C-alpha atoms as a PDB file:
ATOM      1  CA  MET A   1       0.000   0.000   0.000  1.00  0.00           C
ATOM      2  CA  LYS A   2       1.092   3.570  -0.699  1.00  0.00           C
ATOM      3  CA  ARG A   3      -0.048   6.941   0.573  1.00  0.00           C
ATOM      4  CA  ALA A   4       0.729  10.556  -0.330  1.00  0.00           C
ATOM      5  CA  LEU A   5       0.201  13.885   1.419  1.00  0.00           C
ATOM      6  CA  LEU A   6      -0.011  16.781  -1.053  1.00  0.00           C
ATOM      7  CA  VAL A   7       0.128  20.267   0.471  1.00  0.00           C
ATOM      8  CA  GLY A   8      -0.383  23.568  -1.349  1.00  0.00           C
ATOM      9  CA  VAL A   9      -0.230  26.884   0.534  1.00  0.00           C
ATOM     10  CA  ASP A  10      -0.934  30.112  -1.362  1.00  0.00           C
ATOM     11  CA  ASP A  11      -2.461  32.161   1.462  1.00  0.00           C
ATOM     12  CA  TYR A  12      -0.558  33.577   4.447  1.00  0.00           C
ATOM     13  CA  ALA A  13      -1.278  35.887   7.361  1.00  0.00           C
ATOM     14  CA  ASN A  14       2.237  37.345   7.524  1.00  0.00           C
ATOM     15  CA  PHE A  15       3.883  36.467   4.187  1.00  0.00           C
ATOM     16  CA  GLY A  16       3.114  37.475   0.619  1.00  0.00           C
ATOM     17  CA  ALA A  17       0.446  35.479  -1.197  1.00  0.00           C
ATOM     18  CA  LEU A  18       1.378  32.981  -3.897  1.00  0.00           C
ATOM     19  CA  SER A  19      -0.767  31.913  -6.843  1.00  0.00           C
ATOM     20  CA  GLY A  20       0.351  28.501  -8.091  1.00  0.00           C
ATOM     21  CA  CYS A  21       0.711  26.145  -5.124  1.00  0.00           C
ATOM     22  CA  CYS A  22      -2.891  24.972  -4.862  1.00  0.00           C
ATOM     23  CA  ASN A  23      -3.021  24.639  -8.653  1.00  0.00           C
ATOM     24  CA  ASP A  24       0.072  22.438  -8.515  1.00  0.00           C
ATOM     25  CA  VAL A  25      -1.550  20.064  -6.027  1.00  0.00           C
ATOM     26  CA  VAL A  26      -4.718  19.887  -8.132  1.00  0.00           C
ATOM     27  CA  ALA A  27      -2.620  18.980 -11.198  1.00  0.00           C
ATOM     28  CA  LEU A  28      -0.445  16.483  -9.324  1.00  0.00           C
ATOM     29  CA  HIS A  29      -3.237  14.611  -7.534  1.00  0.00           C
ATOM     30  CA  PRO A  30      -4.598  12.602 -10.510  1.00  0.00           C
ATOM     31  CA  LEU A  31      -1.091  11.680 -11.655  1.00  0.00           C
ATOM     32  CA  LEU A  32      -0.160  10.162  -8.300  1.00  0.00           C
ATOM     33  CA  SER A  33      -3.537   8.651  -7.456  1.00  0.00           C
ATOM     34  CA  ARG A  34      -3.797   6.626 -10.683  1.00  0.00           C
ATOM     35  CA  HIS A  35      -1.418   5.005 -13.138  1.00  0.00           C
ATOM     36  CA  ALA A  36      -1.876   5.710 -16.848  1.00  0.00           C
ATOM     37  CA  ASP A  37      -4.011   2.561 -17.191  1.00  0.00           C
ATOM     38  CA  GLU A  38      -6.297   3.912 -14.413  1.00  0.00           C
ATOM     39  CA  SER A  39      -5.177   1.306 -11.875  1.00  0.00           C
ATOM     40  CA  LYS A  40      -4.765   2.484  -8.275  1.00  0.00           C
ATOM     41  CA  ASN A  41      -1.477   4.147  -7.330  1.00  0.00           C
ATOM     42  CA  PHE A  42      -1.103   6.311  -4.204  1.00  0.00           C
ATOM     43  CA  ASP A  43      -3.920   6.961  -1.758  1.00  0.00           C
ATOM     44  CA  CYS A  44      -3.680  10.757  -1.771  1.00  0.00           C
ATOM     45  CA  VAL A  45      -4.776  13.311   0.823  1.00  0.00           C
ATOM     46  CA  THR A  46      -4.605  17.013  -0.052  1.00  0.00           C
ATOM     47  CA  MET A  47      -4.275  20.105   2.129  1.00  0.00           C
ATOM     48  CA  LEU A  48      -5.047  23.330   0.257  1.00  0.00           C
ATOM     49  CA  SER A  49      -5.080  26.848   1.665  1.00  0.00           C
ATOM     50  CA  SER A  50      -7.849  27.627  -0.824  1.00  0.00           C
ATOM     51  CA  GLY A  51     -10.086  25.552   1.464  1.00  0.00           C
ATOM     52  CA  GLY A  52      -8.923  27.230   4.670  1.00  0.00           C
ATOM     53  CA  PRO A  53      -5.659  28.075   6.436  1.00  0.00           C
ATOM     54  CA  VAL A  54      -3.037  25.329   6.616  1.00  0.00           C
ATOM     55  CA  THR A  55      -1.612  25.788  10.105  1.00  0.00           C
ATOM     56  CA  ARG A  56       1.613  24.492  11.581  1.00  0.00           C
ATOM     57  CA  ASP A  57      -0.216  22.191  14.002  1.00  0.00           C
ATOM     58  CA  GLU A  58      -2.432  20.785  11.249  1.00  0.00           C
ATOM     59  CA  LEU A  59       0.538  20.148   8.975  1.00  0.00           C
ATOM     60  CA  LEU A  60       2.501  18.401  11.732  1.00  0.00           C
ATOM     61  CA  GLU A  61      -0.495  16.190  12.526  1.00  0.00           C
ATOM     62  CA  ALA A  62      -0.964  15.332   8.841  1.00  0.00           C
ATOM     63  CA  ILE A  63       2.733  14.414   8.516  1.00  0.00           C
ATOM     64  CA  ASP A  64       2.404  12.147  11.567  1.00  0.00           C
ATOM     65  CA  GLN A  65      -0.547  10.400   9.927  1.00  0.00           C
ATOM     66  CA  LEU A  66       1.330  10.098   6.636  1.00  0.00           C
ATOM     67  CA  LEU A  67       4.290   8.433   8.342  1.00  0.00           C
ATOM     68  CA  SER A  68       2.257   6.069  10.514  1.00  0.00           C
ATOM     69  CA  PRO A  69       2.584   2.289   9.895  1.00  0.00           C
ATOM     70  CA  ALA A  70       0.744   0.056   7.403  1.00  0.00           C
ATOM     71  CA  VAL A  71       2.134   1.271   4.062  1.00  0.00           C
ATOM     72  CA  ASP A  72       5.286   0.511   2.074  1.00  0.00           C
ATOM     73  CA  VAL A  73       5.844   3.898   0.416  1.00  0.00           C
ATOM     74  CA  ALA A  74       4.880   7.444   1.424  1.00  0.00           C
ATOM     75  CA  ILE A  75       5.183  10.729  -0.477  1.00  0.00           C
ATOM     76  CA  PHE A  76       5.217  14.154   1.163  1.00  0.00           C
ATOM     77  CA  TYR A  77       4.779  16.982  -1.354  1.00  0.00           C
ATOM     78  CA  PHE A  78       4.840  20.629  -0.275  1.00  0.00           C
ATOM     79  CA  ALA A  79       4.324  23.693  -2.460  1.00  0.00           C
ATOM     80  CA  GLY A  80       4.470  27.076  -0.776  1.00  0.00           C
ATOM     81  CA  HIS A  81       6.870  29.567   0.742  1.00  0.00           C
ATOM     82  CA  GLY A  82      10.198  28.304   2.013  1.00  0.00           C
ATOM     83  CA  HIS A  83      11.895  30.389   4.712  1.00  0.00           C
ATOM     84  CA  GLN A  84      15.687  30.283   4.790  1.00  0.00           C
ATOM     85  CA  LEU A  85      17.325  29.403   8.086  1.00  0.00           C
ATOM     86  CA  ALA A  86      20.854  28.390   9.059  1.00  0.00           C
ATOM     87  CA  ASN A  87      21.346  24.932   7.519  1.00  0.00           C
ATOM     88  CA  ASP A  88      17.596  24.374   7.453  1.00  0.00           C
ATOM     89  CA  VAL A  89      14.464  25.517   5.690  1.00  0.00           C
ATOM     90  CA  ALA A  90      11.025  26.181   7.136  1.00  0.00           C
ATOM     91  CA  LEU A  91       7.946  25.088   5.220  1.00  0.00           C
ATOM     92  CA  VAL A  92       5.860  28.194   5.795  1.00  0.00           C
ATOM     93  CA  THR A  93       2.287  27.608   6.939  1.00  0.00           C
ATOM     94  CA  SER A  94      -0.668  29.976   6.704  1.00  0.00           C
ATOM     95  CA  ASP A  95      -0.246  31.043  10.332  1.00  0.00           C
ATOM     96  CA  GLY A  96       3.536  31.403  10.080  1.00  0.00           C
ATOM     97  CA  THR A  97       5.346  34.431  11.485  1.00  0.00           C
ATOM     98  CA  PRO A  98       8.916  35.650  10.883  1.00  0.00           C
ATOM     99  CA  THR A  99       9.813  34.150  14.281  1.00  0.00           C
ATOM    100  CA  THR A 100       7.951  30.844  13.814  1.00  0.00           C
ATOM    101  CA  PRO A 101       7.509  30.487  10.051  1.00  0.00           C
ATOM    102  CA  GLY A 102       6.057  26.995  10.043  1.00  0.00           C
ATOM    103  CA  VAL A 103       7.390  23.438  10.080  1.00  0.00           C
ATOM    104  CA  LEU A 104      11.174  23.100  10.063  1.00  0.00           C
ATOM    105  CA  PHE A 105      12.402  20.471   7.655  1.00  0.00           C
ATOM    106  CA  SER A 106      14.639  19.129  10.402  1.00  0.00           C
ATOM    107  CA  GLU A 107      11.394  18.316  12.229  1.00  0.00           C
ATOM    108  CA  VAL A 108      10.169  16.442   9.176  1.00  0.00           C
ATOM    109  CA  LEU A 109      13.449  14.518   8.967  1.00  0.00           C
ATOM    110  CA  THR A 110      13.150  13.501  12.618  1.00  0.00           C
ATOM    111  CA  LYS A 111       9.660  12.173  12.002  1.00  0.00           C
ATOM    112  CA  ILE A 112      10.879  10.275   8.941  1.00  0.00           C
ATOM    113  CA  ALA A 113      13.769   8.805  10.943  1.00  0.00           C
ATOM    114  CA  ASN A 114      11.277   7.468  13.492  1.00  0.00           C
ATOM    115  CA  SER A 115       8.823   6.123  10.916  1.00  0.00           C
ATOM    116  CA  PRO A 116       8.611   2.380  10.138  1.00  0.00           C
ATOM    117  CA  ILE A 117       7.711   3.044   6.485  1.00  0.00           C
ATOM    118  CA  PRO A 118      10.475   1.524   4.307  1.00  0.00           C
ATOM    119  CA  GLU A 119      10.492   4.249   1.640  1.00  0.00           C
ATOM    120  CA  VAL A 120       9.683   7.940   2.039  1.00  0.00           C
ATOM    121  CA  ILE A 121       9.860  10.398  -0.859  1.00  0.00           C
ATOM    122  CA  VAL A 122       9.832  14.145  -0.155  1.00  0.00           C
ATOM    123  CA  ILE A 123       9.166  16.651  -2.941  1.00  0.00           C
ATOM    124  CA  LEU A 124       9.539  20.344  -2.123  1.00  0.00           C
ATOM    125  CA  ASP A 125       8.514  23.138  -4.487  1.00  0.00           C
ATOM    126  CA  CYS A 126       9.550  26.132  -2.432  1.00  0.00           C
ATOM    127  CA  CYS A 127      12.352  28.663  -2.190  1.00  0.00           C
ATOM    128  CA  PHE A 128      15.610  27.555  -0.540  1.00  0.00           C
ATOM    129  CA  SER A 129      14.378  23.931  -0.477  1.00  0.00           C
ATOM    130  CA  GLY A 130      17.845  22.631  -1.350  1.00  0.00           C
ATOM    131  CA  ALA A 131      18.780  23.195   2.309  1.00  0.00           C
ATOM    132  CA  ALA A 132      16.496  20.308   3.274  1.00  0.00           C
ATOM    133  CA  GLY A 133      18.438  17.390   4.685  1.00  0.00           C
ATOM    134  CA  GLY A 134      21.400  19.254   6.139  1.00  0.00           C
ATOM    135  CA  VAL A 135      22.876  18.507   9.552  1.00  0.00           C
ATOM    136  CA  PRO A 136      22.979  21.809  11.502  1.00  0.00           C
ATOM    137  CA  GLN A 137      25.803  20.642  13.788  1.00  0.00           C
ATOM    138  CA  LEU A 138      28.055  19.993  10.789  1.00  0.00           C
ATOM    139  CA  GLY A 139      27.148  23.043   8.740  1.00  0.00           C
ATOM    140  CA  ASP A 140      27.439  22.467   5.012  1.00  0.00           C
ATOM    141  CA  LEU A 141      29.747  19.476   5.392  1.00  0.00           C
ATOM    142  CA  ALA A 142      27.171  16.746   5.680  1.00  0.00           C
ATOM    143  CA  THR A 143      23.664  15.653   4.942  1.00  0.00           C
ATOM    144  CA  PHE A 144      21.762  13.119   7.002  1.00  0.00           C
ATOM    145  CA  ILE A 145      18.970  11.173   5.382  1.00  0.00           C
ATOM    146  CA  ARG A 146      17.554   7.991   6.820  1.00  0.00           C
ATOM    147  CA  ARG A 147      17.904   4.889   4.657  1.00  0.00           C
ATOM    148  CA  GLY A 148      15.011   4.618   2.229  1.00  0.00           C
ATOM    149  CA  THR A 149      14.519   8.386   1.970  1.00  0.00           C
ATOM    150  CA  SER A 150      14.678  10.608  -1.117  1.00  0.00           C
ATOM    151  CA  ILE A 151      14.410  14.404  -1.195  1.00  0.00           C
ATOM    152  CA  LEU A 152      13.664  16.174  -4.467  1.00  0.00           C
ATOM    153  CA  ALA A 153      13.814  19.960  -4.132  1.00  0.00           C
ATOM    154  CA  ALA A 154      12.958  22.740  -6.559  1.00  0.00           C
ATOM    155  CA  ALA A 155      16.026  24.890  -5.942  1.00  0.00           C
ATOM    156  CA  ARG A 156      19.376  25.087  -4.195  1.00  0.00           C
ATOM    157  CA  ALA A 157      19.627  26.344  -0.618  1.00  0.00           C
ATOM    158  CA  ASP A 158      20.459  29.850  -1.897  1.00  0.00           C
ATOM    159  CA  GLN A 159      17.846  30.055  -4.651  1.00  0.00           C
ATOM    160  CA  THR A 160      14.213  31.021  -5.018  1.00  0.00           C
ATOM    161  CA  ALA A 161      11.673  28.914  -6.928  1.00  0.00           C
ATOM    162  CA  SER A 162       9.727  30.463  -9.796  1.00  0.00           C
ATOM    163  CA  GLU A 163       6.061  30.477 -10.737  1.00  0.00           C
ATOM    164  CA  THR A 164       4.808  30.535 -14.332  1.00  0.00           C
ATOM    165  CA  PRO A 165       2.478  33.148 -15.892  1.00  0.00           C
ATOM    166  CA  ALA A 166      -0.127  30.363 -16.042  1.00  0.00           C
ATOM    167  CA  GLY A 167      -0.358  30.252 -12.241  1.00  0.00           C
ATOM    168  CA  ARG A 168       1.768  27.153 -11.651  1.00  0.00           C
ATOM    169  CA  GLY A 169       5.115  26.460 -10.065  1.00  0.00           C
ATOM    170  CA  MET A 170       7.704  25.971 -12.787  1.00  0.00           C
ATOM    171  CA  PHE A 171       9.249  23.000 -10.974  1.00  0.00           C
ATOM    172  CA  SER A 172       5.869  21.340 -10.387  1.00  0.00           C
ATOM    173  CA  THR A 173       4.821  21.901 -13.996  1.00  0.00           C
ATOM    174  CA  TYR A 174       7.845  19.939 -15.179  1.00  0.00           C
ATOM    175  CA  LEU A 175       7.262  17.393 -12.399  1.00  0.00           C
ATOM    176  CA  CYS A 176       3.816  16.678 -13.823  1.00  0.00           C
ATOM    177  CA  ASP A 177       5.315  16.358 -17.312  1.00  0.00           C
ATOM    178  CA  ALA A 178       7.783  13.805 -15.935  1.00  0.00           C
ATOM    179  CA  LEU A 179       5.001  11.779 -14.310  1.00  0.00           C
ATOM    180  CA  GLU A 180       2.935  11.874 -17.493  1.00  0.00           C
ATOM    181  CA  GLY A 181       5.727  10.017 -19.286  1.00  0.00           C
ATOM    182  CA  GLY A 182       8.598  12.428 -19.819  1.00  0.00           C
ATOM    183  CA  ALA A 183      10.700  10.529 -17.281  1.00  0.00           C
ATOM    184  CA  ALA A 184       9.438   7.026 -18.114  1.00  0.00           C
ATOM    185  CA  ASP A 185      11.660   4.160 -19.193  1.00  0.00           C
ATOM    186  CA  ILE A 186      10.859   1.759 -22.048  1.00  0.00           C
ATOM    187  CA  LEU A 187       8.411  -0.154 -19.850  1.00  0.00           C
ATOM    188  CA  GLY A 188       6.646   3.039 -18.752  1.00  0.00           C
ATOM    189  CA  LYS A 189       8.072   3.116 -15.227  1.00  0.00           C
ATOM    190  CA  VAL A 190       8.749   6.500 -13.609  1.00  0.00           C
ATOM    191  CA  THR A 191      11.128   6.616 -10.621  1.00  0.00           C
ATOM    192  CA  VAL A 192      12.268   9.525  -8.473  1.00  0.00           C
ATOM    193  CA  ALA A 193      15.752   9.323 -10.021  1.00  0.00           C
ATOM    194  CA  GLY A 194      14.234   9.459 -13.505  1.00  0.00           C
ATOM    195  CA  VAL A 195      12.135  12.445 -12.465  1.00  0.00           C
ATOM    196  CA  TYR A 196      15.233  14.275 -11.236  1.00  0.00           C
ATOM    197  CA  ALA A 197      17.082  13.570 -14.489  1.00  0.00           C
ATOM    198  CA  HIS A 198      14.122  14.985 -16.419  1.00  0.00           C
ATOM    199  CA  LEU A 199      13.834  18.065 -14.185  1.00  0.00           C
ATOM    200  CA  SER A 200      17.563  18.767 -14.248  1.00  0.00           C
ATOM    201  CA  GLU A 201      17.482  19.032 -18.042  1.00  0.00           C
ATOM    202  CA  MET A 202      14.598  21.512 -17.965  1.00  0.00           C
ATOM    203  CA  PHE A 203      16.497  24.275 -16.136  1.00  0.00           C
ATOM    204  CA  GLY A 204      19.445  26.194 -17.567  1.00  0.00           C
ATOM    205  CA  ALA A 205      22.640  27.477 -15.990  1.00  0.00           C
ATOM    206  CA  TRP A 206      20.977  30.787 -15.015  1.00  0.00           C
ATOM    207  CA  ASP A 207      17.800  29.184 -13.659  1.00  0.00           C
ATOM    208  CA  GLN A 208      16.890  27.642 -10.343  1.00  0.00           C
ATOM    209  CA  ARG A 209      18.606  24.252 -10.035  1.00  0.00           C
ATOM    210  CA  PRO A 210      16.660  21.281  -8.672  1.00  0.00           C
ATOM    211  CA  THR A 211      18.527  19.161  -6.133  1.00  0.00           C
ATOM    212  CA  PHE A 212      18.260  15.472  -5.298  1.00  0.00           C
ATOM    213  CA  LYS A 213      19.420  13.806  -2.097  1.00  0.00           C
ATOM    214  CA  ALA A 214      18.833  10.140  -1.395  1.00  0.00           C
ATOM    215  CA  ASN A 215      19.855   7.208   0.740  1.00  0.00           C
ATOM    216  CA  ILE A 216      18.321   4.335  -1.184  1.00  0.00           C
ATOM    217  CA  ASP A 217      19.389   0.973  -2.559  1.00  0.00           C
ATOM    218  CA  ARG A 218      16.452   0.421  -4.894  1.00  0.00           C
ATOM    219  CA  LEU A 219      13.991   2.469  -6.914  1.00  0.00           C
ATOM    220  CA  HIS A 220      10.241   2.010  -6.611  1.00  0.00           C
ATOM    221  CA  ASP A 221       7.841   3.251  -9.262  1.00  0.00           C
ATOM    222  CA  LEU A 222       6.278   6.646  -8.636  1.00  0.00           C
ATOM    223  CA  ARG A 223       3.930   5.979 -11.529  1.00  0.00           C
ATOM    224  CA  ARG A 224       3.470   3.644 -14.488  1.00  0.00           C
ATOM    225  CA  THR A 225       2.746   5.256 -17.835  1.00  0.00           C
ATOM    226  CA  LEU A 226       1.904   3.562 -21.127  1.00  0.00           C
ATOM    227  CA  PRO A 227       5.029   1.631 -22.172  1.00  0.00           C
ATOM    228  CA  ALA A 228       6.879   2.043 -25.438  1.00  0.00           C
ATOM    229  CA  MET A 229       6.923  -1.773 -25.510  1.00  0.00           C
ATOM    230  CA  GLU A 230       5.071  -4.305 -23.401  1.00  0.00           C
ATOM    231  CA  LEU A 231       7.369  -6.565 -21.409  1.00  0.00           C
ATOM    232  CA  VAL A 232       6.229  -9.643 -23.345  1.00  0.00           C
ATOM    233  CA  GLN A 233       7.143  -7.866 -26.605  1.00  0.00           C
ATOM    234  CA  LEU A 234      10.501  -6.761 -25.233  1.00  0.00           C
ATOM    235  CA  ARG A 235      11.366 -10.283 -24.092  1.00  0.00           C
ATOM    236  CA  HIS A 236      10.303 -11.699 -27.468  1.00  0.00           C
ATOM    237  CA  MET A 237      12.492  -9.217 -29.326  1.00  0.00           C
ATOM    238  CA  MET A 238      15.553  -9.934 -27.211  1.00  0.00           C
ATOM    239  CA  LYS A 239      15.169 -13.675 -27.826  1.00  0.00           C
ATOM    240  CA  LEU A 240      15.809 -12.923 -31.513  1.00  0.00           C
ATOM    241  CA  PHE A 241      19.323 -11.822 -30.524  1.00  0.00           C
ATOM    242  CA  PRO A 242      21.425 -14.721 -29.157  1.00  0.00           C
ATOM    243  CA  ARG A 243      24.073 -12.176 -28.099  1.00  0.00           C
ATOM    244  CA  SER A 244      23.849  -8.508 -27.277  1.00  0.00           C
ATOM    245  CA  ASP A 245      26.196  -7.713 -30.187  1.00  0.00           C
ATOM    246  CA  PHE A 246      24.435 -10.034 -32.642  1.00  0.00           C
ATOM    247  CA  VAL A 247      23.696  -8.557 -36.072  1.00  0.00           C
ATOM    248  CA  PHE A 248      20.238  -9.842 -36.993  1.00  0.00           C
ATOM    249  CA  PRO A 249      19.920 -10.677 -40.721  1.00  0.00           C
ATOM    250  CA  LEU A 250      16.818  -9.453 -42.524  1.00  0.00           C
ATOM    251  CA  SER A 251      15.213 -10.413 -45.817  1.00  0.00           C
ATOM    252  CA  PRO A 252      12.194  -9.383 -47.887  1.00  0.00           C
ATOM    253  CA  SER A 253      10.190 -12.132 -46.135  1.00  0.00           C
ATOM    254  CA  TYR A 254       9.982  -9.892 -43.046  1.00  0.00           C
ATOM    255  CA  GLU A 255       8.175  -7.121 -44.906  1.00  0.00           C
ATOM    256  CA  PRO A 256       4.364  -7.703 -45.056  1.00  0.00           C
ATOM    257  CA  ASP A 257       4.055  -6.028 -48.478  1.00  0.00           C
ATOM    258  CA  VAL A 258       6.140  -8.773 -50.079  1.00  0.00           C
ATOM    259  CA  LEU A 259       4.536 -11.978 -51.373  1.00  0.00           C
ATOM    260  CA  PRO A 260       4.353 -14.775 -50.430  1.00  0.00           C
ATOM    261  CA  HIS A 261       3.671 -13.896 -46.794  1.00  0.00           C
ATOM    262  CA  ASP A 262       5.768 -15.350 -43.989  1.00  0.00           C
ATOM    263  CA  GLU A 263       3.579 -14.917 -40.909  1.00  0.00           C
ATOM    264  CA  LYS A 264       6.321 -15.674 -38.385  1.00  0.00           C
ATOM    265  CA  ASN A 265       8.829 -13.288 -39.924  1.00  0.00           C
ATOM    266  CA  GLU A 266       6.192 -10.584 -40.323  1.00  0.00           C
ATOM    267  CA  ALA A 267       5.218 -10.912 -36.654  1.00  0.00           C
ATOM    268  CA  ASP A 268       8.881 -10.701 -35.639  1.00  0.00           C
ATOM    269  CA  PHE A 269       9.356  -7.661 -37.866  1.00  0.00           C
ATOM    270  CA  ALA A 270       6.432  -5.885 -36.192  1.00  0.00           C
ATOM    271  CA  ILE A 271       8.216  -6.380 -32.861  1.00  0.00           C
ATOM    272  CA  LEU A 272      11.500  -5.161 -34.354  1.00  0.00           C
ATOM    273  CA  GLN A 273       9.745  -2.024 -35.589  1.00  0.00           C
ATOM    274  CA  LYS A 274       8.509  -1.321 -32.067  1.00  0.00           C
ATOM    275  CA  GLY A 275      12.069  -1.786 -30.851  1.00  0.00           C
ATOM    276  CA  ARG A 276      13.291   0.708 -33.423  1.00  0.00           C
ATOM    277  CA  ASP A 277      10.644   3.228 -32.341  1.00  0.00           C
ATOM    278  CA  ALA A 278      11.811   2.753 -28.738  1.00  0.00           C
ATOM    279  CA  LYS A 279      15.441   3.366 -29.822  1.00  0.00           C
ATOM    280  CA  LEU A 280      16.433  -0.172 -28.870  1.00  0.00           C
ATOM    281  CA  LEU A 281      17.691  -1.163 -32.309  1.00  0.00           C
ATOM    282  CA  ARG A 282      18.784   0.368 -35.603  1.00  0.00           C
ATOM    283  CA  PRO A 283      19.091  -0.827 -39.204  1.00  0.00           C
ATOM    284  CA  VAL A 284      22.475  -1.869 -40.568  1.00  0.00           C
ATOM    285  CA  GLY A 285      23.321  -0.975 -44.151  1.00  0.00           C
ATOM    286  CA  GLU A 286      20.258   1.226 -44.664  1.00  0.00           C
ATOM    287  CA  LYS A 287      18.800   4.321 -43.028  1.00  0.00           C
ATOM    288  CA  HIS A 288      15.360   2.762 -42.605  1.00  0.00           C
ATOM    289  CA  LEU A 289      14.358  -0.634 -41.249  1.00  0.00           C
ATOM    290  CA  TYR A 290      11.932  -1.162 -44.146  1.00  0.00           C
ATOM    291  CA  TYR A 291      14.726  -0.928 -46.723  1.00  0.00           C
ATOM    292  CA  ALA A 292      16.997  -3.054 -44.545  1.00  0.00           C
ATOM    293  CA  ALA A 293      14.419  -5.838 -44.899  1.00  0.00           C
ATOM    294  CA  VAL A 294      13.627  -5.301 -48.582  1.00  0.00           C
ATOM    295  CA  ASN A 295      17.329  -5.169 -49.490  1.00  0.00           C
ATOM    296  CA  SER A 296      18.345  -8.115 -47.272  1.00  0.00           C
ATOM    297  CA  LYS A 297      20.443  -6.055 -44.886  1.00  0.00           C
ATOM    298  CA  ALA A 298      20.341  -6.371 -41.072  1.00  0.00           C
ATOM    299  CA  CYS A 299      19.633  -4.681 -37.762  1.00  0.00           C
ATOM    300  CA  GLU A 300      21.448  -4.499 -34.427  1.00  0.00           C
ATOM    301  CA  LEU A 301      20.793  -3.413 -30.867  1.00  0.00           C
ATOM    302  CA  THR A 302      21.681   0.105 -29.768  1.00  0.00           C
ATOM    303  CA  ALA A 303      23.512   0.741 -26.495  1.00  0.00           C
ATOM    304  CA  LEU A 304      20.116   1.106 -24.817  1.00  0.00           C
ATOM    305  CA  GLY A 305      18.967  -2.099 -26.468  1.00  0.00           C
ATOM    306  CA  ARG A 306      22.044  -3.939 -25.222  1.00  0.00           C
ATOM    307  CA  HIS A 307      21.276  -2.659 -21.718  1.00  0.00           C
ATOM    308  CA  TYR A 308      17.809  -4.225 -21.830  1.00  0.00           C
ATOM    309  CA  TRP A 309      19.208  -7.401 -23.427  1.00  0.00           C
ATOM    310  CA  ILE A 310      21.473  -7.825 -20.387  1.00  0.00           C
ATOM    311  CA  LEU A 311      18.579  -7.199 -17.989  1.00  0.00           C
ATOM    312  CA  ILE A 312      16.482  -9.866 -19.673  1.00  0.00           C
ATOM    313  CA  ASP A 313      19.375 -12.297 -20.073  1.00  0.00           C
ATOM    314  CA  ARG A 314      20.065 -12.015 -16.327  1.00  0.00           C
ATOM    315  CA  ASP A 315      16.333 -12.321 -15.550  1.00  0.00           C
ATOM    316  CA  LEU A 316      16.322  -8.917 -13.823  1.00  0.00           C
ATOM    317  CA  ILE A 317      13.071  -7.813 -15.440  1.00  0.00           C
END
């Protein structure tokens, strides 16, 4: 079982109002609650300042509930003001003041450290969020994160996080794109590491820089999107290659426009075409796979294709 707490705070008593945080939660909720095939994903609870103030006490109680036993994975997402502190960042709540801005991330880390949940993923779309995970006693020299914890932050500890003219957080907009498939692998799986790779590419040298801190030894799926190839198709294709460096010979019998028909070869060729579309293989001797078949050339696995060949050969997927 999996649960997620999604918090968006636009409205504050003592800080300037924001405009995109609640919108970000509304956009993120369907992507985390359901996979692309509409099967159940995370059981999501939202806290939105548009429905009433999100106070420090309420947020702390919700985090306690999120991190209580009985699930395998938990996500804590926060969009709102971040208040810079020495080696820490405060997640500003609606009732926050300059003296007590909200929930310190060090408080969140302590709760995570005491939680029995094996994997906890924290996503912060707020200014100065890159400070999350630091050890105050050691200054900038160290970061402490409990095993099984990942922290994905919108900006470095010295940076602000931007909103878009459309009333969304820029980081969260790209986060949603990643979950919709921009960060998916061939099989449609989206992991937090894949999301970070996608986000990192979306910001330039002069922009806010997302940060990623983790203490993990495996990657669970944040979401499953529609795959470029079904696993059964991928396994079938790799069986056509006895070695990862094998050059697979083609002939006109693989092309369905050529008579007489060879049903087996045509079925294999349809799988090979999917592999080409997924950048797992390329034609040899021709620019296009069609002409490689018609002109009795060949095809071979790309570096990505060889990677998946090894995974299947070792029975890892």
